[in-house]
Amino acid sequence: MYDYIEENIKRRGFETDFDRRIKFSILRAIESSGRKLEELKISNKRRWGESMYAKLEDLGLMDLFPTGWLMDSHAVHGNWQDLISFHLKGDFKNGYVIDSGWHDPRPIMVFSILIIGIPILREYVDTEFPKITEKTKIVEMLSDLWERNEKLMRLYLEFRGDCYEV
C-alpha cells in the first residue's frame, strides 16, 4: 500500500493530506513491530495469474485494487495493524500482552470511502448526465458533502490529538 501511495504522489505531482496520514499510519505500524519499511519491500512482486489483481490490471483499473480489494480483505481477515491497534498492549521491545477491552469505533473508514467515492460520483455525473438540469444541484451537493467530510475528518483528528498535520 505504501508503494501504491508513493506511485500516486509521483503520478499526481503532489502529496495530499490523506496521503500523509496513510503513510504516517503505515510507518507507525511498521515501527511498532520493530521493523523498517525497507525490510518489507518485495523486489519481485508475484503476479497472481487469473485473479482479481490480474483482472483489474487487464481492464486498466488498478486504481481500484487497494480500495476495492485490499481494504475488503483487511476488513474480513484482519492484519497486524488490527492486532496492535485493538487487541494488544505493549511494544516490540518490551513484548505484547492481550488487550481484551472494548475500543470505540473510529470513523476513518467512512472518511476514506467518501474521499474515494465523491470524485468517482462526480465523474459519473459528468459522464452519464452531461445535459440534465439537475446536474448543477447534484454537483453542488457532492461539493458540500466533500467539504463536510473534510471538516469532520479534521475535527476528529484534532479531537484525537493525532500528531501529524491535517
Foldseek 3Di string as FASTA:
>chain_A
DLVVLVVVCVVVVHHDPVSVVVNVLVQVLQVQQVHGPVVPDDPDDDDDPPDPCVVCVVVVNNVCCCVVPVVVCCVVPNDSSCCDVPFWDDGNVVDIDTDPDDDDDDCVVVLVCLVVPLVVVLVCCCPVPVDDPCSVVVNVVSVVVNVVSVVVVVVRCVVVVDDDDD
